[in-house]
Amino acid sequence: MGKKGKWLKPWKSIGWGRRVVRVAWMTVVGLWLLSVVQVLLGVVFNPPLTPLMVQRFFQQLADDERTVRFERDYVDIDDISPNLITAVVYSEDGLFMYHHGFDVKQMKIAMKENKSGKRFRGGSTISQQTAKNAFLPHSRTMVRKGVEAYYTMMIETFWSKKRIMEVYLNIIEFGDGIYGAEAAAQHYFGHSAKELTRTEAAQLAATLPAPLERNPAHKSPYFRRRTADIKGRFGWGKVNIEEPDPKKVEKYKDRESLWDFMKWYYEGEMRNEK
């Protein structure tokens, strides 16, 4: 009791304002340390669950028309067909090997199109999608986007591109309750992810923008066209996840950063207010 009393005495002597500031500061530091631990552990360990997996589980429980399903089987990236790596890069993030987490050009295009009402598109890179799926619940708020950007910078700093791709392909959703390349390959095609053909890889890549509506079990005309388009991009060459093309590294070394995007966005908002 004596020791406890000595600890509480200085705390009680602090005014309420300073207590609030101290608690807020300790909370921020605690959350920062937690994020660092999460990312560092992610260098070696796959997340046992992700926020999306938990969200989907409760959504399935609450919906009588949905089957409660949880299919997931983590595998090394060497046990995933290079066809799938090539397909997801060409369909989701063509400059994955050459940016530092953000494709500012695509972010600007996405924002302009969304504001004009043409269509909704995210402009997210594979790194951003990995950060979002591994660490954050799905929502469309500016706070969540800000935290996503923070985690994206963290994994780009501490993880290799190969590790980012490995985690991405092991946790991404390919259907209702179907997570990761191995589970998707077994569910839709009856064999391992290592055996995926170009056509099968293109079908899985075509699933990713809307996995609950578009997947190999529901081959709509749009899905078939999207699959054919992705498959056609294999003519661009195989994506080497470990050795980026030196010519492209030089070509894209001066691409805009996230800071450039923030300045562009701020200047645009200031012009709109005038």
Protein backbone atom coordinates (compact mmCIF):
# COMPACT_ATOMS: atom_id res chain seq x y z
CA MET A 1 0.00 0.00 0.00
CA GLY A 2 2.87 2.32 0.85
CA LYS A 3 4.41 2.08 -2.59
CA LYS A 4 1.03 2.48 -4.24
CA GLY A 5 0.36 5.59 -2.19
CA LYS A 6 3.73 7.10 -3.17
CA TRP A 7 2.85 6.57 -6.85
CA LEU A 8 -0.61 8.11 -6.52
CA LYS A 9 0.46 11.13 -4.49
CA PRO A 10 2.24 13.03 -7.29
CA TRP A 11 -0.59 12.09 -9.69
CA LYS A 12 -3.18 13.55 -7.32
CA SER A 13 -1.15 16.72 -6.98
CA ILE A 14 -1.42 17.40 -10.73
CA GLY A 15 -4.30 19.57 -11.96
CA TRP A 16 -7.05 18.09 -14.17
CA GLY A 17 -5.78 19.89 -17.24
CA ARG A 18 -2.30 18.45 -16.90
CA ARG A 19 -3.75 15.01 -16.19
CA VAL A 20 -5.70 15.08 -19.45
CA VAL A 21 -2.61 16.19 -21.38
CA ARG A 22 -0.50 13.47 -19.77
CA VAL A 23 -3.04 10.74 -20.44
CA ALA A 24 -3.39 11.90 -24.05
CA TRP A 25 0.39 11.94 -24.49
CA MET A 26 0.75 8.46 -22.95
CA THR A 27 -2.04 7.18 -25.21
CA VAL A 28 -0.37 8.54 -28.34
CA VAL A 29 3.00 7.06 -27.34
CA GLY A 30 1.34 3.74 -26.50
CA LEU A 31 -0.43 3.55 -29.86
CA TRP A 32 2.79 4.46 -31.66
CA LEU A 33 4.72 1.74 -29.85
CA LEU A 34 1.94 -0.75 -30.65
CA SER A 35 2.12 0.13 -34.36
CA VAL A 36 5.91 -0.30 -34.38
CA VAL A 37 5.61 -3.71 -32.69
CA GLN A 38 2.88 -4.75 -35.16
CA VAL A 39 4.96 -3.81 -38.19
CA LEU A 40 8.19 -5.34 -36.87
CA LEU A 41 6.43 -8.60 -36.02
CA GLY A 42 4.97 -8.54 -39.52
CA VAL A 43 8.47 -8.86 -40.97
CA VAL A 44 8.38 -12.51 -39.89
CA PHE A 45 4.86 -13.44 -38.81
CA ASN A 46 1.59 -13.32 -40.75
CA PRO A 47 -1.30 -11.72 -38.85
CA PRO A 48 -3.41 -14.52 -37.30
CA LEU A 49 -6.54 -12.47 -37.99
CA THR A 50 -7.22 -9.14 -39.66
CA PRO A 51 -9.88 -6.55 -38.79
CA LEU A 52 -11.69 -7.34 -42.07
CA MET A 53 -11.86 -11.05 -41.22
CA VAL A 54 -13.53 -10.20 -37.90
CA GLN A 55 -15.90 -7.73 -39.58
CA ARG A 56 -16.94 -10.24 -42.22
CA PHE A 57 -17.54 -12.95 -39.61
CA PHE A 58 -20.04 -10.82 -37.69
CA GLN A 59 -21.65 -9.61 -40.92
CA GLN A 60 -22.19 -13.23 -41.93
CA LEU A 61 -23.67 -14.06 -38.53
CA ALA A 62 -26.11 -11.17 -38.80
CA ASP A 63 -27.27 -12.04 -42.33
CA ASP A 64 -29.48 -15.14 -42.70
CA GLU A 65 -28.81 -15.22 -46.45
CA ARG A 66 -25.04 -15.51 -46.05
CA THR A 67 -23.04 -18.58 -45.18
CA VAL A 68 -20.67 -18.32 -42.24
CA ARG A 69 -17.38 -19.18 -43.92
CA PHE A 70 -13.75 -18.78 -42.94
CA GLU A 71 -11.24 -20.21 -45.40
CA ARG A 72 -7.62 -19.22 -45.03
CA ASP A 73 -4.31 -21.02 -45.46
CA TYR A 74 -1.09 -19.02 -45.27
CA VAL A 75 1.74 -20.12 -47.57
CA ASP A 76 5.18 -18.79 -48.47
CA ILE A 77 5.34 -16.58 -51.54
CA ASP A 78 7.46 -19.26 -53.21
CA ASP A 79 4.35 -21.47 -53.02
CA ILE A 80 2.26 -18.94 -54.94
CA SER A 81 2.35 -18.98 -58.73
CA PRO A 82 4.31 -16.11 -60.34
CA ASN A 83 1.26 -15.86 -62.62
CA LEU A 84 -0.78 -14.46 -59.72
CA ILE A 85 1.92 -11.99 -58.72
CA THR A 86 2.10 -10.73 -62.31
CA ALA A 87 -1.70 -10.56 -62.58
CA VAL A 88 -2.27 -8.55 -59.40
CA VAL A 89 0.56 -6.11 -60.18
CA TYR A 90 -0.75 -5.41 -63.69
CA SER A 91 -4.34 -5.12 -62.50
CA GLU A 92 -3.92 -3.33 -59.16
CA ASP A 93 -0.61 -1.48 -59.11
CA GLY A 94 1.59 -1.45 -62.20
CA LEU A 95 4.34 0.54 -60.48
CA PHE A 96 4.42 -1.56 -57.31
CA MET A 97 8.16 -2.22 -57.64
CA TYR A 98 9.00 1.44 -58.30
CA HIS A 99 7.11 3.57 -55.78
CA HIS A 100 7.52 4.01 -52.03
CA GLY A 101 3.96 3.13 -51.13
CA PHE A 102 1.97 5.76 -53.02
CA ASP A 103 1.22 6.35 -56.69
CA VAL A 104 0.51 10.07 -56.55
CA LYS A 105 -0.43 10.32 -60.22
CA GLN A 106 -3.18 7.72 -59.77
CA MET A 107 -4.30 9.33 -56.50
CA LYS A 108 -4.80 12.65 -58.30
CA ILE A 109 -6.70 11.01 -61.15
CA ALA A 110 -8.90 9.14 -58.67
CA MET A 111 -9.71 12.28 -56.71
CA LYS A 112 -10.57 14.25 -59.85
CA GLU A 113 -12.85 11.48 -61.15
CA ASN A 114 -14.56 11.04 -57.79
CA LYS A 115 -15.23 14.77 -57.50
CA SER A 116 -16.62 14.92 -61.03
CA GLY A 117 -18.99 12.05 -60.23
CA LYS A 118 -17.77 9.88 -63.12
CA ARG A 119 -17.14 6.87 -60.91
CA PHE A 120 -15.62 5.94 -57.58
CA ARG A 121 -12.08 4.68 -57.58
CA GLY A 122 -9.56 4.44 -54.78
CA GLY A 123 -6.19 4.88 -56.43
CA SER A 124 -4.63 2.68 -53.73
CA THR A 125 -1.38 0.83 -54.28
CA ILE A 126 -0.79 -2.77 -53.21
CA SER A 127 1.22 -1.39 -50.28
CA GLN A 128 -1.76 0.71 -49.15
CA GLN A 129 -4.12 -2.21 -49.54
CA THR A 130 -1.78 -4.41 -47.51
CA ALA A 131 -1.57 -1.84 -44.72
CA LYS A 132 -5.34 -1.39 -44.71
CA ASN A 133 -6.16 -5.09 -44.70
CA ALA A 134 -3.48 -6.10 -42.19
CA PHE A 135 -4.00 -3.45 -39.55
CA LEU A 136 -7.24 -1.50 -39.97
CA PRO A 137 -11.01 -2.03 -40.12
CA HIS A 138 -12.70 -1.14 -43.39
CA SER A 139 -14.33 2.28 -43.40
CA ARG A 140 -14.35 5.36 -45.61
CA THR A 141 -13.18 8.13 -43.30
CA MET A 142 -10.34 10.61 -43.59
CA VAL A 143 -8.98 9.48 -40.21
CA ARG A 144 -8.73 5.90 -41.42
CA LYS A 145 -7.06 7.04 -44.65
CA GLY A 146 -4.55 9.00 -42.62
CA VAL A 147 -3.71 6.02 -40.41
CA GLU A 148 -3.51 3.86 -43.55
CA ALA A 149 -0.92 6.24 -45.00
CA TYR A 150 1.09 6.00 -41.78
CA TYR A 151 1.08 2.18 -41.81
CA THR A 152 1.92 2.22 -45.52
CA MET A 153 5.04 4.27 -44.87
CA MET A 154 5.95 1.94 -42.01
CA ILE A 155 5.74 -1.27 -44.03
CA GLU A 156 7.55 0.31 -46.96
CA THR A 157 10.34 1.19 -44.51
CA PHE A 158 10.64 -2.12 -42.66
CA TRP A 159 9.33 -4.72 -45.11
CA SER A 160 10.73 -5.68 -48.48
CA LYS A 161 8.55 -5.54 -51.58
CA LYS A 162 8.58 -9.33 -51.57
CA ARG A 163 7.29 -9.40 -47.97
CA ILE A 164 4.58 -6.85 -48.75
CA MET A 165 3.41 -8.97 -51.67
CA GLU A 166 3.54 -12.14 -49.57
CA VAL A 167 1.35 -10.67 -46.82
CA TYR A 168 -0.98 -9.11 -49.38
CA LEU A 169 -1.58 -12.40 -51.20
CA ASN A 170 -2.13 -14.23 -47.91
CA ILE A 171 -4.74 -11.90 -46.39
CA ILE A 172 -6.56 -10.30 -49.33
CA GLU A 173 -10.24 -11.20 -49.71
CA PHE A 174 -11.16 -13.27 -52.78
CA GLY A 175 -14.80 -13.94 -51.86
CA ASP A 176 -17.11 -13.95 -48.86
CA GLY A 177 -15.01 -15.56 -46.12
CA ILE A 178 -12.22 -16.61 -48.52
CA TYR A 179 -8.85 -15.08 -47.67
CA GLY A 180 -5.53 -15.47 -49.41
CA ALA A 181 -4.31 -17.05 -52.62
CA GLU A 182 -4.09 -20.62 -51.34
CA ALA A 183 -7.64 -20.70 -49.97
CA ALA A 184 -8.96 -19.06 -53.16
CA ALA A 185 -7.13 -21.48 -55.46
CA GLN A 186 -8.43 -24.48 -53.50
CA HIS A 187 -11.98 -23.09 -53.29
CA TYR A 188 -12.43 -22.06 -56.93
CA PHE A 189 -10.07 -24.37 -58.83
CA GLY A 190 -9.42 -27.35 -56.58
CA HIS A 191 -5.63 -27.09 -56.51
CA SER A 192 -2.83 -25.13 -54.82
CA ALA A 193 -1.93 -21.51 -55.46
CA LYS A 194 1.42 -22.68 -56.82
CA GLU A 195 -0.39 -24.33 -59.75
CA LEU A 196 -2.47 -21.35 -60.86
CA THR A 197 -2.54 -20.87 -64.61
CA ARG A 198 -2.54 -17.47 -66.29
CA THR A 199 -6.30 -17.63 -66.81
CA GLU A 200 -6.96 -18.61 -63.20
CA ALA A 201 -4.57 -15.94 -61.92
CA ALA A 202 -6.31 -13.33 -64.07
CA GLN A 203 -9.68 -14.41 -62.67
CA LEU A 204 -8.47 -14.00 -59.10
CA ALA A 205 -6.96 -10.60 -59.91
CA ALA A 206 -10.26 -9.53 -61.51
CA THR A 207 -11.96 -10.39 -58.22
CA LEU A 208 -10.05 -7.91 -56.08
CA PRO A 209 -11.88 -4.60 -56.59
CA ALA A 210 -15.17 -6.13 -55.40
CA PRO A 211 -14.64 -9.68 -54.06
CA LEU A 212 -18.18 -10.11 -52.73
CA GLU A 213 -19.80 -9.33 -56.09
CA ARG A 214 -17.17 -10.39 -58.62
CA ASN A 215 -15.30 -13.67 -58.31
CA PRO A 216 -14.76 -16.89 -60.31
CA ALA A 217 -18.03 -18.28 -58.96
CA HIS A 218 -20.00 -15.41 -60.56
CA LYS A 219 -18.60 -14.86 -64.05
CA SER A 220 -20.59 -11.90 -65.30
CA PRO A 221 -19.90 -10.45 -68.76
CA TYR A 222 -17.91 -7.66 -67.09
CA PHE A 223 -15.89 -10.20 -65.10
CA ARG A 224 -15.04 -12.10 -68.28
CA ARG A 225 -13.93 -8.91 -70.04
CA ARG A 226 -11.87 -7.86 -67.06
CA THR A 227 -10.23 -11.29 -66.87
CA ALA A 228 -9.36 -11.19 -70.58
CA ASP A 229 -7.91 -7.71 -70.22
CA ILE A 230 -5.66 -8.75 -67.33
CA LYS A 231 -4.58 -11.91 -69.10
CA GLY A 232 -3.64 -9.83 -72.14
CA ARG A 233 -1.26 -7.78 -70.00
CA PHE A 234 0.94 -10.82 -69.46
CA GLY A 235 2.42 -9.81 -72.81
CA TRP A 236 4.13 -6.96 -70.96
CA GLY A 237 6.43 -9.51 -69.34
CA LYS A 238 6.68 -11.38 -66.06
CA VAL A 239 6.92 -9.31 -62.86
CA ASN A 240 10.10 -10.11 -60.93
CA ILE A 241 9.27 -9.39 -57.30
CA GLU A 242 12.92 -9.47 -56.21
CA GLU A 243 14.72 -7.65 -59.02
CA PRO A 244 13.10 -4.48 -60.38
CA ASP A 245 14.01 -3.40 -63.88
CA PRO A 246 16.98 -0.97 -63.54
CA LYS A 247 15.70 1.13 -66.45
CA LYS A 248 12.34 1.60 -64.73
CA VAL A 249 14.02 2.36 -61.41
CA GLU A 250 15.84 5.23 -63.12
CA LYS A 251 12.73 6.33 -65.01
CA TYR A 252 10.51 6.55 -61.92
CA LYS A 253 13.02 7.69 -59.31
CA ASP A 254 11.73 11.28 -59.30
CA ARG A 255 8.01 10.50 -59.05
CA GLU A 256 5.92 12.69 -56.77
CA SER A 257 5.77 11.82 -53.08
CA LEU A 258 2.88 11.80 -50.62
CA TRP A 259 4.02 15.24 -49.49
CA ASP A 260 3.64 16.50 -53.07
CA PHE A 261 0.09 15.12 -53.12
CA MET A 262 -0.78 16.83 -49.83
CA LYS A 263 0.49 20.17 -51.15
CA TRP A 264 -1.47 19.69 -54.38
CA TYR A 265 -4.63 18.83 -52.43
CA TYR A 266 -4.24 21.76 -50.04
CA GLU A 267 -3.66 24.24 -52.86
CA GLY A 268 -6.75 22.93 -54.64
CA GLU A 269 -8.90 23.30 -51.53
CA MET A 270 -7.61 26.84 -51.02
CA ARG A 271 -8.53 27.74 -54.61
CA ASN A 272 -12.04 26.31 -54.10
CA GLU A 273 -12.58 28.48 -51.04
CA LYS A 274 -11.83 31.69 -52.93
